[in-house]
N, C-alpha and C. Protein backbone atom coordinates (compact mmCIF):
# COMPACT_ATOMS: atom_id res chain seq x y z
N MET A 1 0.83 -1.18 0.00
CA MET A 1 0.00 0.00 0.00
C MET A 1 0.89 1.26 0.00
N TYR A 2 1.96 1.23 0.77
CA TYR A 2 2.87 2.38 0.82
C TYR A 2 3.44 2.70 -0.56
N ARG A 3 3.87 1.65 -1.29
CA ARG A 3 4.43 1.87 -2.62
C ARG A 3 3.41 2.49 -3.58
N LYS A 4 2.18 2.02 -3.50
CA LYS A 4 1.15 2.54 -4.39
C LYS A 4 0.88 4.02 -4.11
N ILE A 5 0.82 4.39 -2.85
CA ILE A 5 0.60 5.80 -2.48
C ILE A 5 1.77 6.64 -2.98
N LYS A 6 2.99 6.15 -2.83
CA LYS A 6 4.17 6.89 -3.29
C LYS A 6 4.13 7.09 -4.79
N GLU A 7 3.73 6.06 -5.55
CA GLU A 7 3.62 6.19 -7.00
C GLU A 7 2.60 7.25 -7.39
N LEU A 8 1.48 7.28 -6.71
CA LEU A 8 0.43 8.25 -7.03
C LEU A 8 0.86 9.67 -6.71
N ILE A 9 1.57 9.83 -5.62
CA ILE A 9 2.01 11.17 -5.21
C ILE A 9 3.07 11.70 -6.18
N THR A 10 4.05 10.90 -6.56
CA THR A 10 5.12 11.39 -7.43
C THR A 10 4.60 11.70 -8.83
N LYS A 11 3.56 11.05 -9.28
CA LYS A 11 3.01 11.34 -10.61
C LYS A 11 2.33 12.69 -10.64
N GLY A 12 1.84 13.16 -9.52
CA GLY A 12 1.08 14.40 -9.48
C GLY A 12 1.90 15.66 -9.34
N ARG A 13 3.22 15.54 -9.24
CA ARG A 13 4.05 16.72 -9.06
C ARG A 13 4.11 17.54 -10.35
N ILE A 14 4.04 18.82 -10.18
CA ILE A 14 4.10 19.73 -11.32
C ILE A 14 5.38 20.55 -11.20
N THR A 15 6.13 20.63 -12.26
CA THR A 15 7.34 21.45 -12.25
C THR A 15 7.08 22.72 -13.04
N ALA A 16 7.64 23.80 -12.56
CA ALA A 16 7.46 25.08 -13.22
C ALA A 16 8.36 25.15 -14.45
N ARG A 17 7.81 25.57 -15.55
CA ARG A 17 8.58 25.72 -16.77
C ARG A 17 8.52 27.17 -17.26
N THR A 18 8.23 28.05 -16.32
CA THR A 18 8.19 29.48 -16.64
C THR A 18 8.91 30.25 -15.55
N ILE A 19 9.23 31.48 -15.86
CA ILE A 19 9.85 32.38 -14.89
C ILE A 19 9.41 33.79 -15.25
N LYS A 20 9.31 34.63 -14.26
CA LYS A 20 8.90 36.00 -14.52
C LYS A 20 10.10 36.87 -14.84
N TYR A 21 9.92 37.75 -15.82
CA TYR A 21 10.92 38.75 -16.14
C TYR A 21 10.77 39.91 -15.16
N LYS A 22 11.67 40.86 -15.15
CA LYS A 22 11.62 41.99 -14.23
C LYS A 22 10.30 42.74 -14.29
N ASP A 23 9.74 42.85 -15.48
CA ASP A 23 8.49 43.61 -15.64
C ASP A 23 7.26 42.79 -15.29
N GLY A 24 7.43 41.54 -14.87
CA GLY A 24 6.31 40.71 -14.45
C GLY A 24 5.78 39.78 -15.52
N ASN A 25 6.23 39.94 -16.76
CA ASN A 25 5.79 39.05 -17.84
C ASN A 25 6.43 37.68 -17.68
N LEU A 26 5.68 36.63 -18.04
CA LEU A 26 6.18 35.28 -17.94
C LEU A 26 7.02 34.93 -19.17
N LEU A 27 8.11 34.23 -18.93
CA LEU A 27 8.96 33.73 -20.01
C LEU A 27 8.73 32.23 -20.12
N PHE A 28 8.55 31.73 -21.32
CA PHE A 28 8.27 30.32 -21.53
C PHE A 28 9.39 29.59 -22.26
N GLU A 29 10.11 30.30 -23.12
CA GLU A 29 11.15 29.67 -23.93
C GLU A 29 12.35 29.33 -23.05
N PRO A 30 12.88 28.10 -23.17
CA PRO A 30 14.03 27.69 -22.34
C PRO A 30 15.22 28.63 -22.46
N GLU A 31 15.49 29.15 -23.66
CA GLU A 31 16.63 30.05 -23.84
C GLU A 31 16.42 31.34 -23.06
N LYS A 32 15.21 31.89 -23.12
CA LYS A 32 14.91 33.14 -22.42
C LYS A 32 14.95 32.93 -20.90
N ILE A 33 14.51 31.76 -20.46
CA ILE A 33 14.54 31.44 -19.02
C ILE A 33 15.98 31.39 -18.54
N LEU A 34 16.86 30.75 -19.30
CA LEU A 34 18.27 30.68 -18.93
C LEU A 34 18.91 32.06 -18.92
N GLU A 35 18.56 32.89 -19.90
CA GLU A 35 19.09 34.24 -19.93
C GLU A 35 18.65 35.03 -18.69
N ARG A 36 17.40 34.86 -18.29
CA ARG A 36 16.88 35.57 -17.12
C ARG A 36 17.58 35.10 -15.85
N TRP A 37 17.81 33.78 -15.72
CA TRP A 37 18.52 33.26 -14.56
C TRP A 37 19.94 33.82 -14.51
N ALA A 38 20.61 33.87 -15.65
CA ALA A 38 21.96 34.41 -15.70
C ALA A 38 21.96 35.88 -15.27
N GLU A 39 20.98 36.63 -15.76
CA GLU A 39 20.87 38.04 -15.39
C GLU A 39 20.61 38.20 -13.89
N TYR A 40 19.74 37.35 -13.34
CA TYR A 40 19.42 37.41 -11.91
C TYR A 40 20.64 37.12 -11.06
N VAL A 41 21.38 36.07 -11.41
CA VAL A 41 22.57 35.70 -10.63
C VAL A 41 23.63 36.79 -10.72
N GLU A 42 23.79 37.36 -11.90
CA GLU A 42 24.76 38.44 -12.06
C GLU A 42 24.40 39.63 -11.16
N GLU A 43 23.12 39.98 -11.11
CA GLU A 43 22.67 41.08 -10.25
C GLU A 43 22.85 40.72 -8.77
N LEU A 44 22.59 39.48 -8.44
CA LEU A 44 22.68 39.02 -7.06
C LEU A 44 24.10 39.12 -6.53
N TYR A 45 25.07 38.76 -7.35
CA TYR A 45 26.46 38.72 -6.90
C TYR A 45 27.27 39.93 -7.34
N ASN A 46 26.62 40.93 -7.85
CA ASN A 46 27.32 42.14 -8.26
C ASN A 46 27.91 42.80 -7.01
N GLU A 47 29.19 43.07 -7.04
CA GLU A 47 29.87 43.63 -5.87
C GLU A 47 29.32 44.99 -5.47
N ASN A 48 28.87 45.78 -6.42
CA ASN A 48 28.36 47.11 -6.11
C ASN A 48 27.09 47.06 -5.28
N ASN A 49 26.34 46.01 -5.39
CA ASN A 49 25.08 45.89 -4.65
C ASN A 49 25.27 45.45 -3.21
N HIS A 50 26.47 44.99 -2.87
CA HIS A 50 26.67 44.42 -1.55
C HIS A 50 27.69 45.18 -0.71
N GLU A 51 27.86 46.45 -1.00
CA GLU A 51 28.77 47.26 -0.20
C GLU A 51 28.13 47.52 1.15
N VAL A 52 28.86 47.27 2.21
CA VAL A 52 28.36 47.46 3.57
C VAL A 52 29.35 48.31 4.33
N ASP A 53 28.85 49.30 5.04
CA ASP A 53 29.71 50.14 5.87
C ASP A 53 29.95 49.39 7.17
N MET A 54 31.16 48.90 7.38
CA MET A 54 31.47 48.07 8.54
C MET A 54 31.32 48.84 9.85
N GLN A 55 31.48 50.15 9.84
CA GLN A 55 31.31 50.92 11.06
C GLN A 55 29.86 50.85 11.53
N GLU A 56 28.92 50.83 10.61
CA GLU A 56 27.51 50.73 10.99
C GLU A 56 27.17 49.34 11.50
N VAL A 57 27.81 48.34 10.94
CA VAL A 57 27.50 46.96 11.30
C VAL A 57 28.11 46.56 12.63
N CYS A 58 29.30 47.03 12.94
CA CYS A 58 30.06 46.55 14.09
C CYS A 58 30.03 47.49 15.29
N VAL A 59 29.00 48.25 15.46
CA VAL A 59 28.92 49.17 16.59
C VAL A 59 28.48 48.38 17.83
N ILE A 60 29.32 48.41 18.87
CA ILE A 60 29.01 47.75 20.13
C ILE A 60 29.08 48.81 21.22
N SER A 61 28.05 48.88 22.01
CA SER A 61 28.02 49.90 23.05
C SER A 61 28.86 49.48 24.25
N GLU A 62 29.22 50.45 25.07
CA GLU A 62 29.99 50.17 26.28
C GLU A 62 29.20 49.28 27.22
N MET A 63 27.90 49.48 27.28
CA MET A 63 27.06 48.67 28.17
C MET A 63 27.10 47.20 27.77
N GLU A 64 27.12 46.92 26.46
CA GLU A 64 27.20 45.54 26.00
C GLU A 64 28.53 44.91 26.39
N VAL A 65 29.62 45.67 26.27
CA VAL A 65 30.94 45.16 26.64
C VAL A 65 30.99 44.88 28.13
N GLU A 66 30.49 45.81 28.93
CA GLU A 66 30.50 45.62 30.39
C GLU A 66 29.65 44.43 30.80
N ALA A 67 28.53 44.23 30.14
CA ALA A 67 27.67 43.09 30.46
C ALA A 67 28.38 41.77 30.19
N VAL A 68 29.11 41.69 29.10
CA VAL A 68 29.85 40.47 28.76
C VAL A 68 30.98 40.25 29.75
N ILE A 69 31.69 41.31 30.13
CA ILE A 69 32.78 41.19 31.10
C ILE A 69 32.25 40.72 32.44
N GLN A 70 31.13 41.23 32.87
CA GLN A 70 30.57 40.84 34.16
C GLN A 70 30.08 39.39 34.16
N LYS A 71 29.64 38.89 33.03
CA LYS A 71 29.20 37.50 32.95
C LYS A 71 30.35 36.55 33.11
N ASN A 72 31.54 36.96 32.67
CA ASN A 72 32.72 36.08 32.74
C ASN A 72 33.39 36.33 34.04
């Protein structure tokens, strides 16, 4: 019975064969989908988009330091 249920479930899976472009339109052609993925990954890993000011990120107050010292 377990095997039969598993067969029925796996047959019903639907895979997406479309992707949305930036403007919201759906792309159906495999070549266009690959181009969109390449564009997305390039934007994702673009160094200019991930600049972080370390002074803003690493600010620790004196109270936090004292609290840690007192715990130890």
